[in-house]
């Protein structure tokens, strides 16, 4: 089991910034990947950003150039720096960890943190 504790959500005006944090139980090197997903009301959960064990990253097209995912290996923590926020970024953001052998891996989720961007 992997426990994930998120923090950093809140209310911000359009154009503002927020940083989300997610502390994981266990070494980041034991995970295949860590990432952030979001779910807006009435919409499906979608990938926002992901960082692999090797450190490679990928982003949703809608956040490229505005959001940055990073990790602190010593703290087993992944961050999402969100700049130039838009009202359409409003959603519940979930931290995700994928762990386990290929084809038999499992996903673990944080409790979610609300991000609201006002226009």
C-alpha atoms as a PDB file:
ATOM      1  CA  UNK A   1       0.000   0.000   0.000  1.00  0.00           C
ATOM      2  CA  UNK A   2       1.043   3.572  -0.695  1.00  0.00           C
ATOM      3  CA  UNK A   3      -0.261   6.461   1.328  1.00  0.00           C
ATOM      4  CA  UNK A   4      -0.436   9.852  -0.358  1.00  0.00           C
ATOM      5  CA  UNK A   5      -0.992  13.143   1.429  1.00  0.00           C
ATOM      6  CA  UNK A   6      -1.758  16.167  -0.699  1.00  0.00           C
ATOM      7  CA  UNK A   7      -1.656  19.841   0.137  1.00  0.00           C
ATOM      8  CA  UNK A   8      -1.609  23.210  -1.533  1.00  0.00           C
ATOM      9  CA  UNK A   9      -4.966  23.692  -3.178  1.00  0.00           C
ATOM     10  CA  UNK A  10      -7.074  26.788  -2.790  1.00  0.00           C
ATOM     11  CA  UNK A  11      -8.720  29.761  -4.427  1.00  0.00           C
ATOM     12  CA  UNK A  12      -6.730  31.994  -6.741  1.00  0.00           C
ATOM     13  CA  UNK A  13      -7.487  34.642  -9.328  1.00  0.00           C
ATOM     14  CA  UNK A  14      -6.878  34.021 -12.995  1.00  0.00           C
ATOM     15  CA  UNK A  15      -3.221  34.572 -13.821  1.00  0.00           C
ATOM     16  CA  UNK A  16      -2.129  33.545 -10.358  1.00  0.00           C
ATOM     17  CA  UNK A  17      -0.054  30.612  -9.159  1.00  0.00           C
ATOM     18  CA  UNK A  18      -0.391  27.664  -6.807  1.00  0.00           C
ATOM     19  CA  UNK A  19       1.888  24.806  -5.866  1.00  0.00           C
ATOM     20  CA  UNK A  20       0.514  21.401  -4.998  1.00  0.00           C
ATOM     21  CA  UNK A  21       2.485  18.906  -2.932  1.00  0.00           C
ATOM     22  CA  UNK A  22       2.051  15.185  -2.491  1.00  0.00           C
ATOM     23  CA  UNK A  23       4.044  13.258   0.071  1.00  0.00           C
ATOM     24  CA  UNK A  24       4.227   9.515  -0.499  1.00  0.00           C
ATOM     25  CA  UNK A  25       4.985   6.667   1.865  1.00  0.00           C
ATOM     26  CA  UNK A  26       7.924   4.884   0.292  1.00  0.00           C
ATOM     27  CA  UNK A  27      10.789   5.778  -1.988  1.00  0.00           C
ATOM     28  CA  UNK A  28      10.019   7.434  -5.302  1.00  0.00           C
ATOM     29  CA  UNK A  29      12.379   4.917  -6.888  1.00  0.00           C
ATOM     30  CA  UNK A  30       9.953   2.152  -5.961  1.00  0.00           C
ATOM     31  CA  UNK A  31       7.275   3.792  -8.131  1.00  0.00           C
ATOM     32  CA  UNK A  32       6.944   3.453 -11.877  1.00  0.00           C
ATOM     33  CA  UNK A  33       5.630   6.996 -12.027  1.00  0.00           C
ATOM     34  CA  UNK A  34       4.072   9.771 -10.002  1.00  0.00           C
ATOM     35  CA  UNK A  35       1.605  12.210 -11.386  1.00  0.00           C
ATOM     36  CA  UNK A  36      -1.257  14.618 -11.043  1.00  0.00           C
ATOM     37  CA  UNK A  37      -4.730  14.180 -12.439  1.00  0.00           C
ATOM     38  CA  UNK A  38      -7.730  16.466 -12.224  1.00  0.00           C
ATOM     39  CA  UNK A  39     -11.451  16.144 -12.416  1.00  0.00           C
ATOM     40  CA  UNK A  40     -13.793  19.028 -13.057  1.00  0.00           C
ATOM     41  CA  UNK A  41     -17.532  18.782 -12.318  1.00  0.00           C
ATOM     42  CA  UNK A  42     -19.279  16.687 -14.940  1.00  0.00           C
ATOM     43  CA  UNK A  43     -16.041  15.680 -16.621  1.00  0.00           C
ATOM     44  CA  UNK A  44     -13.813  12.640 -16.583  1.00  0.00           C
ATOM     45  CA  UNK A  45     -10.602  12.540 -14.625  1.00  0.00           C
ATOM     46  CA  UNK A  46      -7.698  13.531 -16.859  1.00  0.00           C
ATOM     47  CA  UNK A  47      -3.932  13.403 -16.671  1.00  0.00           C
ATOM     48  CA  UNK A  48      -2.299  16.751 -15.976  1.00  0.00           C
ATOM     49  CA  UNK A  49       1.367  15.846 -15.581  1.00  0.00           C
ATOM     50  CA  UNK A  50       3.458  12.780 -14.901  1.00  0.00           C
ATOM     51  CA  UNK A  51       7.045  12.060 -13.936  1.00  0.00           C
ATOM     52  CA  UNK A  52       8.556   8.640 -14.437  1.00  0.00           C
ATOM     53  CA  UNK A  53      11.073   6.805 -12.274  1.00  0.00           C
ATOM     54  CA  UNK A  54      13.816   8.016 -14.614  1.00  0.00           C
ATOM     55  CA  UNK A  55      12.651  11.601 -14.248  1.00  0.00           C
ATOM     56  CA  UNK A  56      11.124  12.062 -17.671  1.00  0.00           C
ATOM     57  CA  UNK A  57       7.978  14.171 -17.700  1.00  0.00           C
ATOM     58  CA  UNK A  58       4.904  14.571 -19.824  1.00  0.00           C
ATOM     59  CA  UNK A  59       2.063  17.068 -19.705  1.00  0.00           C
ATOM     60  CA  UNK A  60      -1.433  17.545 -20.978  1.00  0.00           C
ATOM     61  CA  UNK A  61      -1.432  19.927 -23.925  1.00  0.00           C
ATOM     62  CA  UNK A  62      -3.682  22.301 -22.019  1.00  0.00           C
ATOM     63  CA  UNK A  63      -1.071  22.918 -19.314  1.00  0.00           C
ATOM     64  CA  UNK A  64       2.183  22.810 -21.263  1.00  0.00           C
ATOM     65  CA  UNK A  65       4.268  25.884 -20.618  1.00  0.00           C
ATOM     66  CA  UNK A  66       2.236  26.794 -17.522  1.00  0.00           C
ATOM     67  CA  UNK A  67       2.566  23.816 -15.161  1.00  0.00           C
ATOM     68  CA  UNK A  68       5.724  22.082 -14.005  1.00  0.00           C
ATOM     69  CA  UNK A  69       5.943  18.734 -12.243  1.00  0.00           C
ATOM     70  CA  UNK A  70       8.955  17.986 -10.095  1.00  0.00           C
ATOM     71  CA  UNK A  71       9.972  15.733  -7.242  1.00  0.00           C
ATOM     72  CA  UNK A  72      12.108  15.791  -4.138  1.00  0.00           C
ATOM     73  CA  UNK A  73      13.648  12.358  -3.831  1.00  0.00           C
ATOM     74  CA  UNK A  74      14.787  12.870  -0.245  1.00  0.00           C
ATOM     75  CA  UNK A  75      11.259  13.811   0.823  1.00  0.00           C
ATOM     76  CA  UNK A  76       9.424  11.279  -1.393  1.00  0.00           C
ATOM     77  CA  UNK A  77       7.344  14.198  -2.567  1.00  0.00           C
ATOM     78  CA  UNK A  78       6.033  15.282  -5.942  1.00  0.00           C
ATOM     79  CA  UNK A  79       5.046  18.854  -6.705  1.00  0.00           C
ATOM     80  CA  UNK A  80       2.934  20.586  -9.296  1.00  0.00           C
ATOM     81  CA  UNK A  81       3.780  24.227  -9.844  1.00  0.00           C
ATOM     82  CA  UNK A  82       0.860  25.886 -11.571  1.00  0.00           C
ATOM     83  CA  UNK A  83       1.380  29.307 -13.125  1.00  0.00           C
ATOM     84  CA  UNK A  84      -0.827  31.519 -15.290  1.00  0.00           C
ATOM     85  CA  UNK A  85      -3.871  29.738 -13.956  1.00  0.00           C
ATOM     86  CA  UNK A  86      -7.107  29.931 -15.904  1.00  0.00           C
ATOM     87  CA  UNK A  87     -10.709  29.420 -14.794  1.00  0.00           C
ATOM     88  CA  UNK A  88     -10.751  26.206 -16.833  1.00  0.00           C
ATOM     89  CA  UNK A  89      -8.072  24.809 -14.520  1.00  0.00           C
ATOM     90  CA  UNK A  90     -10.669  24.672 -11.762  1.00  0.00           C
ATOM     91  CA  UNK A  91     -10.968  21.066 -10.612  1.00  0.00           C
ATOM     92  CA  UNK A  92     -10.156  18.617  -7.868  1.00  0.00           C
ATOM     93  CA  UNK A  93      -6.533  17.610  -8.310  1.00  0.00           C
ATOM     94  CA  UNK A  94      -5.455  14.108  -7.377  1.00  0.00           C
ATOM     95  CA  UNK A  95      -1.982  12.809  -6.776  1.00  0.00           C
ATOM     96  CA  UNK A  96      -1.288   9.418  -8.335  1.00  0.00           C
ATOM     97  CA  UNK A  97       1.387   6.786  -7.929  1.00  0.00           C
ATOM     98  CA  UNK A  98       1.799   3.759 -10.129  1.00  0.00           C
ATOM     99  CA  UNK A  99       3.690   0.896  -8.560  1.00  0.00           C
ATOM    100  CA  UNK A 100       4.380  -2.704  -9.370  1.00  0.00           C
ATOM    101  CA  UNK A 101       5.604  -4.905 -12.188  1.00  0.00           C
ATOM    102  CA  UNK A 102       4.644  -4.237 -15.779  1.00  0.00           C
ATOM    103  CA  UNK A 103       1.094  -5.464 -16.604  1.00  0.00           C
ATOM    104  CA  UNK A 104       0.455  -6.012 -12.909  1.00  0.00           C
ATOM    105  CA  UNK A 105       0.984  -2.541 -11.565  1.00  0.00           C
ATOM    106  CA  UNK A 106      -1.447  -0.732  -9.297  1.00  0.00           C
ATOM    107  CA  UNK A 107      -2.544   2.872  -9.040  1.00  0.00           C
ATOM    108  CA  UNK A 108      -2.769   4.677  -5.744  1.00  0.00           C
ATOM    109  CA  UNK A 109      -4.595   7.968  -5.255  1.00  0.00           C
ATOM    110  CA  UNK A 110      -4.511  10.854  -2.867  1.00  0.00           C
ATOM    111  CA  UNK A 111      -7.647  12.275  -1.310  1.00  0.00           C
ATOM    112  CA  UNK A 112      -7.806  15.166  -3.763  1.00  0.00           C
ATOM    113  CA  UNK A 113      -7.351  18.880  -3.284  1.00  0.00           C
ATOM    114  CA  UNK A 114      -9.627  21.559  -4.691  1.00  0.00           C
ATOM    115  CA  UNK A 115      -8.211  24.221  -6.982  1.00  0.00           C
ATOM    116  CA  UNK A 116     -10.546  27.067  -7.867  1.00  0.00           C
ATOM    117  CA  UNK A 117      -9.539  29.798 -10.290  1.00  0.00           C
ATOM    118  CA  UNK A 118     -11.770  32.844 -10.384  1.00  0.00           C
ATOM    119  CA  UNK A 119     -12.089  35.066 -13.437  1.00  0.00           C
END
